[in-house]
Amino acid sequence: MAPKKVNMEYISNGSTRKATFKKRSIGMKKKARELSTLCGVDVCYVMYYPEGESSQVPEVYPTAPEAMRVIDRFRSTPELDRCKKKIGGEDYIRERISKLQEQLSKARRDTHRHETKLLLQDVLAGGRQSLTGLNIEQLASLGWMADNYMKKASECIASNKSRRHADPLHCAATAADVVAEAPPQQCWAMEVAKAGSLPTPPGTSCCSFSGALRDQ
């Protein structure tokens, strides 16, 4: 089971805060030891206990002399090398916002593509009798997806013809079966497939609809 998501905010409950501090401090010491042992790098930390704790002496890892050696090594490093991978709080927030915006944009694109696919399937299955009620964005997306599928089908047909291995009689029978299986009441949907684009919806000019298709 996945661990429960923790909100990154101050824990107001005293007992919960102390238990969390104890648990996280042990985990941090473990991670520091693993990083130093497995990767052979110098690691140290200085951790003060929360206010009100009995011990006010900070905890130093691994030892105070070793920590001072690591700190002196850091201080002796040139300023340019010190700040090479340094990131401030503001920069970190901006980076996180940028990544979240990219994830949101991708999720919106995927959702829009999925909705258009479901709409196209509903049209071909006979669940929708006309394009009335769809906005220009839905019409443009539907036309783009229909054109894309028809282009792929045309490429597949052309590839099969070029191979010259298929039986002509079998191909003709298959094409007849596909046409026969189409819903008879969906005449406008068949016209879409033949023409390669969607018909102009009521109340929309051909120029505006074509321009929306190009924008997509």
N, C-alpha and C. Protein backbone atom coordinates (compact mmCIF):
# COMPACT_ATOMS: atom_id res chain seq x y z
N MET A 1 0.85 -1.18 0.00
CA MET A 1 0.00 0.00 0.00
C MET A 1 0.89 1.24 0.00
N ALA A 2 0.53 2.23 -0.82
CA ALA A 2 1.33 3.44 -0.92
C ALA A 2 1.25 4.23 0.39
N PRO A 3 2.36 4.89 0.78
CA PRO A 3 2.34 5.67 2.02
C PRO A 3 1.39 6.86 1.90
N LYS A 4 0.84 7.26 3.02
CA LYS A 4 -0.08 8.39 3.05
C LYS A 4 0.66 9.68 2.74
N LYS A 5 0.05 10.51 1.91
CA LYS A 5 0.66 11.77 1.55
C LYS A 5 0.68 12.70 2.75
N VAL A 6 1.85 13.33 2.97
CA VAL A 6 2.02 14.21 4.12
C VAL A 6 2.04 15.65 3.64
N ASN A 7 1.25 16.50 4.29
CA ASN A 7 1.24 17.92 3.95
C ASN A 7 2.50 18.59 4.51
N MET A 8 3.22 19.34 3.67
CA MET A 8 4.43 20.01 4.10
C MET A 8 4.09 21.30 4.83
N GLU A 9 3.69 21.16 6.08
CA GLU A 9 3.37 22.30 6.92
C GLU A 9 3.67 21.95 8.37
N TYR A 10 3.75 22.99 9.19
CA TYR A 10 4.10 22.79 10.59
C TYR A 10 3.04 21.95 11.29
N ILE A 11 3.48 20.95 12.05
CA ILE A 11 2.57 20.07 12.78
C ILE A 11 2.21 20.73 14.10
N SER A 12 0.95 21.10 14.24
CA SER A 12 0.51 21.83 15.44
C SER A 12 0.40 20.93 16.67
N ASN A 13 0.08 19.67 16.46
CA ASN A 13 -0.05 18.75 17.59
C ASN A 13 1.33 18.41 18.15
N GLY A 14 1.51 18.65 19.46
CA GLY A 14 2.82 18.48 20.07
C GLY A 14 3.33 17.05 20.05
N SER A 15 2.51 16.10 20.46
CA SER A 15 2.96 14.71 20.52
C SER A 15 3.25 14.17 19.12
N THR A 16 2.40 14.54 18.16
CA THR A 16 2.64 14.09 16.78
C THR A 16 3.91 14.70 16.23
N ARG A 17 4.16 15.97 16.55
CA ARG A 17 5.36 16.65 16.07
C ARG A 17 6.62 16.01 16.63
N LYS A 18 6.60 15.64 17.93
CA LYS A 18 7.76 14.99 18.54
C LYS A 18 8.02 13.62 17.93
N ALA A 19 6.92 12.87 17.71
CA ALA A 19 7.08 11.54 17.11
C ALA A 19 7.63 11.65 15.67
N THR A 20 7.16 12.65 14.95
CA THR A 20 7.64 12.85 13.58
C THR A 20 9.11 13.25 13.58
N PHE A 21 9.49 14.13 14.53
CA PHE A 21 10.89 14.55 14.61
C PHE A 21 11.81 13.36 14.89
N LYS A 22 11.40 12.52 15.81
CA LYS A 22 12.22 11.36 16.15
C LYS A 22 12.36 10.42 14.96
N LYS A 23 11.25 10.18 14.30
CA LYS A 23 11.27 9.26 13.16
C LYS A 23 12.09 9.82 12.00
N ARG A 24 11.91 11.09 11.69
CA ARG A 24 12.63 11.69 10.55
C ARG A 24 14.11 11.87 10.84
N SER A 25 14.46 12.17 12.09
CA SER A 25 15.88 12.34 12.43
C SER A 25 16.63 11.01 12.31
N ILE A 26 15.99 9.92 12.71
CA ILE A 26 16.61 8.60 12.53
C ILE A 26 16.77 8.28 11.05
N GLY A 27 15.74 8.60 10.26
CA GLY A 27 15.82 8.36 8.83
C GLY A 27 16.90 9.19 8.15
N MET A 28 17.07 10.46 8.60
CA MET A 28 18.09 11.31 8.01
C MET A 28 19.50 10.79 8.33
N LYS A 29 19.69 10.33 9.55
CA LYS A 29 20.99 9.76 9.93
C LYS A 29 21.30 8.51 9.10
N LYS A 30 20.28 7.69 8.87
CA LYS A 30 20.46 6.49 8.07
C LYS A 30 20.82 6.84 6.64
N LYS A 31 20.13 7.82 6.06
CA LYS A 31 20.41 8.21 4.68
C LYS A 31 21.80 8.83 4.55
N ALA A 32 22.20 9.61 5.53
CA ALA A 32 23.54 10.21 5.49
C ALA A 32 24.62 9.14 5.56
N ARG A 33 24.43 8.14 6.40
CA ARG A 33 25.40 7.05 6.52
C ARG A 33 25.45 6.24 5.22
N GLU A 34 24.28 5.97 4.63
CA GLU A 34 24.25 5.21 3.38
C GLU A 34 24.94 5.98 2.25
N LEU A 35 24.67 7.28 2.17
CA LEU A 35 25.28 8.10 1.13
C LEU A 35 26.79 8.14 1.27
N SER A 36 27.28 8.26 2.49
CA SER A 36 28.72 8.32 2.72
C SER A 36 29.38 6.98 2.42
N THR A 37 28.74 5.88 2.83
CA THR A 37 29.34 4.56 2.65
C THR A 37 29.27 4.09 1.20
N LEU A 38 28.12 4.21 0.59
CA LEU A 38 27.92 3.68 -0.76
C LEU A 38 28.62 4.51 -1.83
N CYS A 39 28.66 5.81 -1.64
CA CYS A 39 29.20 6.70 -2.68
C CYS A 39 30.58 7.25 -2.33
N GLY A 40 31.04 7.04 -1.11
CA GLY A 40 32.37 7.50 -0.74
C GLY A 40 32.50 9.01 -0.71
N VAL A 41 31.49 9.72 -0.24
CA VAL A 41 31.51 11.18 -0.21
C VAL A 41 31.49 11.65 1.25
N ASP A 42 31.92 12.88 1.45
CA ASP A 42 31.90 13.48 2.78
C ASP A 42 30.51 14.02 3.08
N VAL A 43 29.93 13.59 4.17
CA VAL A 43 28.59 14.02 4.57
C VAL A 43 28.62 14.40 6.04
N CYS A 44 27.96 15.49 6.35
CA CYS A 44 27.81 15.87 7.75
C CYS A 44 26.54 16.69 7.91
N TYR A 45 26.03 16.73 9.11
CA TYR A 45 24.89 17.62 9.39
C TYR A 45 24.92 17.99 10.86
N VAL A 46 24.34 19.15 11.14
CA VAL A 46 24.18 19.64 12.50
C VAL A 46 22.69 19.90 12.71
N MET A 47 22.13 19.23 13.71
CA MET A 47 20.68 19.32 13.92
C MET A 47 20.40 19.73 15.36
N TYR A 48 19.67 20.83 15.50
CA TYR A 48 19.26 21.28 16.81
C TYR A 48 17.89 20.68 17.16
N TYR A 49 17.72 20.37 18.41
CA TYR A 49 16.44 19.83 18.86
C TYR A 49 15.41 20.95 18.95
N PRO A 50 14.13 20.63 18.84
CA PRO A 50 13.09 21.66 18.93
C PRO A 50 13.12 22.35 20.29
N GLU A 51 12.57 23.55 20.29
CA GLU A 51 12.50 24.31 21.55
C GLU A 51 11.64 23.56 22.55
N GLY A 52 12.10 23.54 23.80
CA GLY A 52 11.38 22.84 24.84
C GLY A 52 11.89 21.45 25.12
N GLU A 53 12.76 20.95 24.23
CA GLU A 53 13.32 19.62 24.46
C GLU A 53 14.33 19.71 25.60
N SER A 54 14.51 18.57 26.27
CA SER A 54 15.43 18.54 27.42
C SER A 54 16.87 18.78 26.99
N SER A 55 17.25 18.25 25.83
CA SER A 55 18.62 18.39 25.36
C SER A 55 18.70 19.54 24.36
N GLN A 56 19.48 20.56 24.69
CA GLN A 56 19.68 21.70 23.80
C GLN A 56 21.00 21.59 23.03
N VAL A 57 21.74 20.50 23.28
CA VAL A 57 22.99 20.30 22.56
C VAL A 57 22.69 19.76 21.18
N PRO A 58 23.19 20.39 20.12
CA PRO A 58 22.88 19.91 18.77
C PRO A 58 23.50 18.55 18.49
N GLU A 59 22.84 17.80 17.65
CA GLU A 59 23.36 16.50 17.23
C GLU A 59 24.22 16.70 15.99
N VAL A 60 25.44 16.18 16.02
CA VAL A 60 26.39 16.34 14.92
C VAL A 60 26.70 14.97 14.35
N TYR A 61 26.63 14.88 13.03
CA TYR A 61 26.95 13.61 12.34
C TYR A 61 28.10 13.86 11.36
N PRO A 62 29.09 12.95 11.30
CA PRO A 62 29.25 11.74 12.11
C PRO A 62 29.81 12.04 13.50
N THR A 63 30.80 12.96 13.56
CA THR A 63 31.33 13.45 14.83
C THR A 63 31.64 14.93 14.65
N ALA A 64 31.81 15.63 15.76
CA ALA A 64 32.11 17.07 15.67
C ALA A 64 33.41 17.35 14.92
N PRO A 65 34.54 16.65 15.21
CA PRO A 65 35.77 16.91 14.44
C PRO A 65 35.61 16.60 12.95
N GLU A 66 34.93 15.50 12.62
CA GLU A 66 34.74 15.15 11.22
C GLU A 66 33.84 16.16 10.53
N ALA A 67 32.83 16.63 11.23
CA ALA A 67 31.94 17.64 10.65
C ALA A 67 32.69 18.94 10.39
N MET A 68 33.58 19.32 11.31
CA MET A 68 34.37 20.53 11.11
C MET A 68 35.30 20.39 9.92
N ARG A 69 35.83 19.19 9.72
CA ARG A 69 36.71 18.96 8.57
C ARG A 69 35.94 19.14 7.26
N VAL A 70 34.72 18.61 7.21
CA VAL A 70 33.91 18.75 6.00
C VAL A 70 33.52 20.20 5.78
N ILE A 71 33.18 20.91 6.88
CA ILE A 71 32.80 22.32 6.76
C ILE A 71 33.98 23.16 6.30
N ASP A 72 35.17 22.89 6.82
CA ASP A 72 36.37 23.63 6.40
C ASP A 72 36.68 23.37 4.93
N ARG A 73 36.44 22.15 4.50
CA ARG A 73 36.65 21.84 3.08
C ARG A 73 35.69 22.63 2.20
N PHE A 74 34.45 22.77 2.67
CA PHE A 74 33.48 23.54 1.91
C PHE A 74 33.85 25.02 1.87
N ARG A 75 34.32 25.53 3.00
CA ARG A 75 34.70 26.94 3.06
C ARG A 75 35.90 27.26 2.18
N SER A 76 36.78 26.27 2.04
CA SER A 76 37.98 26.50 1.22
C SER A 76 37.69 26.40 -0.28
N THR A 77 36.50 25.95 -0.63
CA THR A 77 36.13 25.85 -2.05
C THR A 77 35.83 27.24 -2.60
N PRO A 78 36.28 27.55 -3.81
CA PRO A 78 35.98 28.86 -4.40
C PRO A 78 34.48 29.14 -4.45
N GLU A 79 34.13 30.41 -4.37
CA GLU A 79 32.72 30.82 -4.32
C GLU A 79 31.95 30.36 -5.56
N LEU A 80 32.61 30.41 -6.71
CA LEU A 80 31.93 30.01 -7.95
C LEU A 80 31.56 28.53 -7.93
N ASP A 81 32.49 27.69 -7.45
CA ASP A 81 32.21 26.26 -7.38
C ASP A 81 31.16 25.94 -6.31
N ARG A 82 31.11 26.75 -5.27
CA ARG A 82 30.15 26.53 -4.20
C ARG A 82 28.71 26.72 -4.67
N CYS A 83 28.52 27.72 -5.50
CA CYS A 83 27.17 28.10 -5.93
C CYS A 83 26.78 27.46 -7.26
N LYS A 84 27.61 26.54 -7.76
CA LYS A 84 27.33 25.97 -9.08
C LYS A 84 26.00 25.22 -9.08
N LYS A 85 25.74 24.44 -8.04
CA LYS A 85 24.51 23.67 -7.97
C LYS A 85 23.59 24.16 -6.84
N LYS A 86 23.82 25.36 -6.41
CA LYS A 86 23.03 25.91 -5.33
C LYS A 86 21.71 26.46 -5.88
N ILE A 87 20.63 26.22 -5.18
CA ILE A 87 19.32 26.70 -5.59
C ILE A 87 18.60 27.29 -4.38
N GLY A 88 18.06 28.49 -4.56
CA GLY A 88 17.35 29.15 -3.47
C GLY A 88 15.90 28.74 -3.42
N GLY A 89 15.23 29.20 -2.37
CA GLY A 89 13.83 28.84 -2.21
C GLY A 89 12.96 29.37 -3.33
N GLU A 90 13.23 30.61 -3.76
CA GLU A 90 12.43 31.21 -4.84
C GLU A 90 12.65 30.48 -6.15
N ASP A 91 13.91 30.14 -6.45
CA ASP A 91 14.20 29.40 -7.68
C ASP A 91 13.57 28.02 -7.65
N TYR A 92 13.59 27.39 -6.49
CA TYR A 92 12.99 26.06 -6.36
C TYR A 92 11.49 26.12 -6.62
N ILE A 93 10.83 27.13 -6.05
CA ILE A 93 9.38 27.27 -6.25
C ILE A 93 9.07 27.52 -7.72
N ARG A 94 9.87 28.36 -8.38
CA ARG A 94 9.64 28.62 -9.80
C ARG A 94 9.82 27.35 -10.63
N GLU A 95 10.84 26.58 -10.29
CA GLU A 95 11.07 25.34 -11.03
C GLU A 95 9.92 24.36 -10.82
N ARG A 96 9.43 24.27 -9.59
CA ARG A 96 8.31 23.38 -9.31
C ARG A 96 7.05 23.84 -10.05
N ILE A 97 6.79 25.15 -10.06
CA ILE A 97 5.62 25.68 -10.76
C ILE A 97 5.71 25.39 -12.24
N SER A 98 6.91 25.55 -12.82
CA SER A 98 7.10 25.28 -14.24
C SER A 98 6.82 23.82 -14.56
N LYS A 99 7.33 22.90 -13.73
CA LYS A 99 7.09 21.48 -13.95
C LYS A 99 5.62 21.13 -13.80
N LEU A 100 4.96 21.71 -12.80
CA LEU A 100 3.54 21.43 -12.59
C LEU A 100 2.70 21.98 -13.75
N GLN A 101 3.11 23.14 -14.28
CA GLN A 101 2.38 23.68 -15.43
C GLN A 101 2.53 22.79 -16.65
N GLU A 102 3.72 22.23 -16.84
CA GLU A 102 3.92 21.30 -17.95
C GLU A 102 3.07 20.04 -17.78
N GLN A 103 3.03 19.51 -16.55
CA GLN A 103 2.20 18.34 -16.29
C GLN A 103 0.72 18.64 -16.50
N LEU A 104 0.29 19.84 -16.08
CA LEU A 104 -1.11 20.22 -16.27
C LEU A 104 -1.45 20.36 -17.75
N SER A 105 -0.55 20.95 -18.52
CA SER A 105 -0.78 21.09 -19.96
C SER A 105 -0.87 19.74 -20.63
N LYS A 106 0.02 18.82 -20.24
CA LYS A 106 -0.01 17.48 -20.82
C LYS A 106 -1.31 16.75 -20.45
N ALA A 107 -1.74 16.89 -19.19
CA ALA A 107 -2.98 16.25 -18.76
C ALA A 107 -4.18 16.81 -19.52
N ARG A 108 -4.18 18.11 -19.77
CA ARG A 108 -5.27 18.72 -20.52
C ARG A 108 -5.28 18.23 -21.97
N ARG A 109 -4.10 18.12 -22.57
CA ARG A 109 -4.04 17.62 -23.95
C ARG A 109 -4.53 16.17 -24.03
N ASP A 110 -4.09 15.35 -23.08
CA ASP A 110 -4.52 13.95 -23.07
C ASP A 110 -6.03 13.83 -22.86
N THR A 111 -6.57 14.65 -21.95
CA THR A 111 -8.01 14.62 -21.70
C THR A 111 -8.79 15.07 -22.94
N HIS A 112 -8.32 16.13 -23.58
CA HIS A 112 -8.99 16.62 -24.79
C HIS A 112 -8.95 15.58 -25.90
N ARG A 113 -7.81 14.91 -26.07
CA ARG A 113 -7.69 13.88 -27.10
C ARG A 113 -8.62 12.71 -26.80
N HIS A 114 -8.70 12.33 -25.52
CA HIS A 114 -9.57 11.21 -25.13
C HIS A 114 -11.04 11.56 -25.35
N GLU A 115 -11.44 12.79 -25.00
CA GLU A 115 -12.82 13.21 -25.20
C GLU A 115 -13.17 13.23 -26.68
N THR A 116 -12.24 13.70 -27.52
CA THR A 116 -12.49 13.73 -28.96
C THR A 116 -12.62 12.32 -29.52
N LYS A 117 -11.80 11.41 -29.01
CA LYS A 117 -11.87 10.02 -29.47
C LYS A 117 -13.20 9.40 -29.10
N LEU A 118 -13.68 9.65 -27.88
CA LEU A 118 -14.98 9.13 -27.46
C LEU A 118 -16.11 9.72 -28.31
N LEU A 119 -15.99 11.01 -28.63
CA LEU A 119 -17.00 11.65 -29.47
C LEU A 119 -17.03 11.04 -30.86
N LEU A 120 -15.86 10.78 -31.42
CA LEU A 120 -15.78 10.17 -32.75
C LEU A 120 -16.35 8.75 -32.73
N GLN A 121 -16.05 8.00 -31.69
CA GLN A 121 -16.61 6.66 -31.56
C GLN A 121 -18.13 6.70 -31.43
N ASP A 122 -18.65 7.69 -30.70
CA ASP A 122 -20.09 7.84 -30.57
C ASP A 122 -20.73 8.16 -31.92
N VAL A 123 -20.05 8.98 -32.74
CA VAL A 123 -20.57 9.32 -34.06
C VAL A 123 -20.62 8.09 -34.95
N LEU A 124 -19.53 7.32 -34.98
CA LEU A 124 -19.47 6.16 -35.86
C LEU A 124 -20.39 5.03 -35.39
N ALA A 125 -20.67 4.98 -34.10
CA ALA A 125 -21.54 3.93 -33.57
C ALA A 125 -23.02 4.26 -33.73
N GLY A 126 -23.32 5.48 -34.20
CA GLY A 126 -24.72 5.85 -34.40
C GLY A 126 -25.36 6.50 -33.22
N GLY A 127 -24.59 6.87 -32.22
CA GLY A 127 -25.17 7.49 -31.04
C GLY A 127 -25.49 8.95 -31.21
N ARG A 128 -24.97 9.59 -32.27
CA ARG A 128 -25.23 11.01 -32.52
C ARG A 128 -25.72 11.17 -33.96
N GLN A 129 -26.84 11.83 -34.12
CA GLN A 129 -27.46 11.96 -35.42
C GLN A 129 -26.95 13.16 -36.22
N SER A 130 -26.38 14.15 -35.56
CA SER A 130 -25.89 15.34 -36.26
C SER A 130 -24.81 15.99 -35.41
N LEU A 131 -24.23 17.06 -35.98
CA LEU A 131 -23.17 17.80 -35.28
C LEU A 131 -23.73 18.98 -34.49
N THR A 132 -25.04 19.10 -34.45
CA THR A 132 -25.65 20.22 -33.74
C THR A 132 -25.31 20.15 -32.25
N GLY A 133 -24.95 21.29 -31.69
CA GLY A 133 -24.64 21.36 -30.26
C GLY A 133 -23.16 21.34 -29.96
N LEU A 134 -22.32 21.01 -30.95
CA LEU A 134 -20.87 21.00 -30.73
C LEU A 134 -20.30 22.39 -31.00
N ASN A 135 -19.34 22.82 -30.17
CA ASN A 135 -18.71 24.11 -30.40
C ASN A 135 -17.61 23.98 -31.45
N ILE A 136 -17.04 25.10 -31.83
CA ILE A 136 -16.07 25.12 -32.93
C ILE A 136 -14.81 24.34 -32.57
N GLU A 137 -14.44 24.36 -31.28
CA GLU A 137 -13.24 23.62 -30.87
C GLU A 137 -13.46 22.12 -30.99
N GLN A 138 -14.64 21.65 -30.58
CA GLN A 138 -14.96 20.23 -30.70
C GLN A 138 -15.04 19.79 -32.17
N LEU A 139 -15.63 20.66 -33.01
CA LEU A 139 -15.73 20.34 -34.43
C LEU A 139 -14.35 20.27 -35.08
N ALA A 140 -13.50 21.23 -34.73
CA ALA A 140 -12.16 21.24 -35.30
C ALA A 140 -11.36 20.01 -34.87
N SER A 141 -11.46 19.66 -33.58
CA SER A 141 -10.74 18.49 -33.08
C SER A 141 -11.28 17.20 -33.70
N LEU A 142 -12.60 17.14 -33.85
CA LEU A 142 -13.22 15.97 -34.46
C LEU A 142 -12.79 15.82 -35.91
N GLY A 143 -12.77 16.95 -36.64
CA GLY A 143 -12.32 16.90 -38.03
C GLY A 143 -10.86 16.51 -38.16
N TRP A 144 -10.02 17.04 -37.26
CA TRP A 144 -8.59 16.70 -37.32
C TRP A 144 -8.38 15.22 -37.05
N MET A 145 -9.08 14.68 -36.04
CA MET A 145 -8.90 13.27 -35.72
C MET A 145 -9.44 12.37 -36.83
N ALA A 146 -10.59 12.75 -37.42
CA ALA A 146 -11.13 11.97 -38.52
C ALA A 146 -10.18 11.98 -39.71
N ASP A 147 -9.63 13.16 -40.04
CA ASP A 147 -8.66 13.25 -41.14
C ASP A 147 -7.43 12.40 -40.86
N ASN A 148 -6.98 12.40 -39.61
CA ASN A 148 -5.79 11.64 -39.25
C ASN A 148 -6.02 10.15 -39.41
N TYR A 149 -7.20 9.67 -38.94
CA TYR A 149 -7.51 8.24 -39.08
C TYR A 149 -7.66 7.84 -40.55
N MET A 150 -8.31 8.71 -41.33
CA MET A 150 -8.49 8.41 -42.76
C MET A 150 -7.15 8.41 -43.51
N LYS A 151 -6.26 9.30 -43.10
CA LYS A 151 -4.93 9.33 -43.71
C LYS A 151 -4.19 8.03 -43.42
N LYS A 152 -4.27 7.57 -42.17
CA LYS A 152 -3.61 6.31 -41.82
C LYS A 152 -4.22 5.14 -42.57
N ALA A 153 -5.56 5.15 -42.72
CA ALA A 153 -6.22 4.08 -43.46
C ALA A 153 -5.80 4.09 -44.93
N SER A 154 -5.70 5.31 -45.51
CA SER A 154 -5.28 5.41 -46.91
C SER A 154 -3.85 4.92 -47.09
N GLU A 155 -2.98 5.25 -46.14
CA GLU A 155 -1.60 4.77 -46.22
C GLU A 155 -1.54 3.26 -46.11
N CYS A 156 -2.37 2.69 -45.25
CA CYS A 156 -2.40 1.23 -45.09
C CYS A 156 -2.89 0.56 -46.37
N ILE A 157 -3.94 1.14 -46.99
CA ILE A 157 -4.47 0.58 -48.23
C ILE A 157 -3.43 0.67 -49.34
N ALA A 158 -2.76 1.82 -49.43
CA ALA A 158 -1.74 1.99 -50.46
C ALA A 158 -0.59 1.02 -50.26
N SER A 159 -0.22 0.79 -48.99
CA SER A 159 0.86 -0.15 -48.70
C SER A 159 0.48 -1.57 -49.10
N ASN A 160 -0.78 -1.94 -48.83
CA ASN A 160 -1.23 -3.28 -49.20
C ASN A 160 -1.29 -3.46 -50.72
N LYS A 161 -1.69 -2.40 -51.44
CA LYS A 161 -1.74 -2.49 -52.90
C LYS A 161 -0.35 -2.62 -53.49
N SER A 162 0.61 -1.91 -52.87
CA SER A 162 1.96 -1.95 -53.42
C SER A 162 2.61 -3.31 -53.25
N ARG A 163 2.20 -4.04 -52.26
CA ARG A 163 2.80 -5.36 -52.05
C ARG A 163 2.34 -6.38 -53.10
N ARG A 164 1.13 -6.22 -53.61
CA ARG A 164 0.59 -7.10 -54.65
C ARG A 164 0.56 -8.56 -54.21
N HIS A 165 0.40 -8.78 -52.92
CA HIS A 165 0.33 -10.15 -52.43
C HIS A 165 -1.10 -10.55 -52.05
N ALA A 166 -1.97 -9.57 -51.84
CA ALA A 166 -3.32 -9.88 -51.39
C ALA A 166 -4.18 -10.34 -52.56
N ASP A 167 -5.17 -11.14 -52.28
CA ASP A 167 -6.10 -11.62 -53.29
C ASP A 167 -7.08 -10.51 -53.63
N PRO A 168 -7.20 -10.08 -54.89
CA PRO A 168 -8.10 -8.98 -55.24
C PRO A 168 -9.54 -9.27 -54.86
N LEU A 169 -10.00 -10.52 -55.05
CA LEU A 169 -11.38 -10.85 -54.71
C LEU A 169 -11.62 -10.73 -53.20
N HIS A 170 -10.63 -11.17 -52.43
CA HIS A 170 -10.75 -11.08 -50.97
C HIS A 170 -10.79 -9.63 -50.51
N CYS A 171 -9.95 -8.78 -51.14
CA CYS A 171 -9.93 -7.36 -50.77
C CYS A 171 -11.27 -6.71 -51.08
N ALA A 172 -11.86 -7.04 -52.25
CA ALA A 172 -13.14 -6.45 -52.62
C ALA A 172 -14.23 -6.88 -51.65
N ALA A 173 -14.21 -8.16 -51.26
CA ALA A 173 -15.21 -8.65 -50.31
C ALA A 173 -15.07 -7.97 -48.95
N THR A 174 -13.82 -7.77 -48.51
CA THR A 174 -13.59 -7.11 -47.22
C THR A 174 -14.10 -5.68 -47.24
N ALA A 175 -13.84 -4.96 -48.33
CA ALA A 175 -14.31 -3.58 -48.44
C ALA A 175 -15.83 -3.52 -48.44
N ALA A 176 -16.47 -4.48 -49.12
CA ALA A 176 -17.93 -4.51 -49.13
C ALA A 176 -18.50 -4.78 -47.75
N ASP A 177 -17.84 -5.65 -46.98
CA ASP A 177 -18.29 -5.94 -45.62
C ASP A 177 -18.20 -4.71 -44.73
N VAL A 178 -17.11 -3.93 -44.88
CA VAL A 178 -16.93 -2.74 -44.07
C VAL A 178 -18.03 -1.73 -44.35
N VAL A 179 -18.36 -1.53 -45.64
CA VAL A 179 -19.42 -0.59 -45.99
C VAL A 179 -20.77 -1.08 -45.48
N ALA A 180 -21.03 -2.41 -45.58
CA ALA A 180 -22.31 -2.95 -45.15
C ALA A 180 -22.51 -2.83 -43.65
N GLU A 181 -21.40 -2.84 -42.87
CA GLU A 181 -21.51 -2.78 -41.42
C GLU A 181 -21.75 -1.37 -40.91
N ALA A 182 -21.59 -0.35 -41.75
CA ALA A 182 -21.79 1.02 -41.32
C ALA A 182 -23.26 1.27 -41.02
N PRO A 183 -23.58 2.02 -39.96
CA PRO A 183 -24.98 2.29 -39.62
C PRO A 183 -25.68 3.03 -40.75
N PRO A 184 -26.80 2.53 -41.27
CA PRO A 184 -27.45 3.17 -42.41
C PRO A 184 -27.95 4.56 -42.10
N GLN A 185 -28.26 4.85 -40.81
CA GLN A 185 -28.80 6.15 -40.51
C GLN A 185 -27.73 7.22 -40.43
N GLN A 186 -26.46 6.83 -40.48
CA GLN A 186 -25.37 7.79 -40.35
C GLN A 186 -24.86 8.21 -41.73
N CYS A 187 -25.77 8.75 -42.57
CA CYS A 187 -25.36 9.16 -43.92
C CYS A 187 -24.33 10.27 -43.85
N TRP A 188 -24.52 11.23 -42.91
CA TRP A 188 -23.58 12.34 -42.84
C TRP A 188 -22.21 11.88 -42.37
N ALA A 189 -22.16 10.83 -41.53
CA ALA A 189 -20.87 10.32 -41.08
C ALA A 189 -20.12 9.66 -42.23
N MET A 190 -20.85 8.97 -43.11
CA MET A 190 -20.21 8.37 -44.28
C MET A 190 -19.70 9.44 -45.23
N GLU A 191 -20.46 10.56 -45.33
CA GLU A 191 -19.99 11.65 -46.17
C GLU A 191 -18.71 12.25 -45.62
N VAL A 192 -18.60 12.29 -44.28
CA VAL A 192 -17.36 12.77 -43.66
C VAL A 192 -16.20 11.89 -44.06
N ALA A 193 -16.41 10.57 -44.01
CA ALA A 193 -15.33 9.64 -44.34
C ALA A 193 -14.94 9.74 -45.81
N LYS A 194 -15.95 9.98 -46.68
CA LYS A 194 -15.63 10.06 -48.11
C LYS A 194 -14.94 11.38 -48.44
N ALA A 195 -15.43 12.47 -47.84
CA ALA A 195 -14.89 13.79 -48.18
C ALA A 195 -13.57 14.06 -47.51
N GLY A 196 -13.31 13.43 -46.35
CA GLY A 196 -12.05 13.65 -45.65
C GLY A 196 -12.12 14.79 -44.68
N SER A 197 -13.30 15.37 -44.45
CA SER A 197 -13.45 16.45 -43.47
C SER A 197 -14.88 16.48 -43.02
N LEU A 198 -15.13 17.23 -41.94
CA LEU A 198 -16.46 17.30 -41.39
C LEU A 198 -17.30 18.31 -42.16
N PRO A 199 -18.62 18.06 -42.29
CA PRO A 199 -19.47 19.06 -42.92
C PRO A 199 -19.57 20.29 -42.05
N THR A 200 -19.87 21.42 -42.69
CA THR A 200 -19.98 22.67 -41.96
C THR A 200 -21.20 22.64 -41.07
N PRO A 201 -21.04 22.86 -39.75
CA PRO A 201 -22.18 22.81 -38.85
C PRO A 201 -23.11 23.97 -39.09
N PRO A 202 -24.38 23.81 -38.68
CA PRO A 202 -25.34 24.89 -38.87
C PRO A 202 -24.90 26.14 -38.16
N GLY A 203 -25.03 27.29 -38.86
CA GLY A 203 -24.68 28.57 -38.26
C GLY A 203 -23.21 28.88 -38.31
N THR A 204 -22.37 28.07 -38.97
CA THR A 204 -20.93 28.30 -39.05
C THR A 204 -20.53 28.40 -40.51
N SER A 205 -19.77 29.43 -40.86
CA SER A 205 -19.34 29.60 -42.24
C SER A 205 -18.23 28.63 -42.57
N CYS A 206 -18.10 28.34 -43.88
CA CYS A 206 -17.06 27.40 -44.32
C CYS A 206 -15.69 27.96 -44.02
N CYS A 207 -15.51 29.26 -44.19
CA CYS A 207 -14.18 29.87 -43.98
C CYS A 207 -13.75 29.75 -42.53
N SER A 208 -14.68 30.04 -41.60
CA SER A 208 -14.32 29.99 -40.18
C SER A 208 -14.03 28.58 -39.75
N PHE A 209 -14.81 27.61 -40.27
CA PHE A 209 -14.60 26.21 -39.89
C PHE A 209 -13.28 25.70 -40.46
N SER A 210 -12.98 26.04 -41.71
CA SER A 210 -11.70 25.62 -42.30
C SER A 210 -10.53 26.24 -41.57
N GLY A 211 -10.69 27.51 -41.17
CA GLY A 211 -9.61 28.14 -40.42
C GLY A 211 -9.37 27.49 -39.09
N ALA A 212 -10.45 27.04 -38.43
CA ALA A 212 -10.29 26.33 -37.15
C ALA A 212 -9.59 25.01 -37.34
N LEU A 213 -9.88 24.32 -38.43
CA LEU A 213 -9.20 23.07 -38.70
C LEU A 213 -7.72 23.29 -38.93
N ARG A 214 -7.38 24.35 -39.67
CA ARG A 214 -5.95 24.63 -39.90
C ARG A 214 -5.24 24.97 -38.61
N ASP A 215 -5.92 25.70 -37.70
CA ASP A 215 -5.30 26.08 -36.42
C ASP A 215 -5.00 24.88 -35.57
N GLN A 216 -5.79 23.82 -35.70
CA GLN A 216 -5.55 22.61 -34.91
C GLN A 216 -4.32 21.88 -35.38
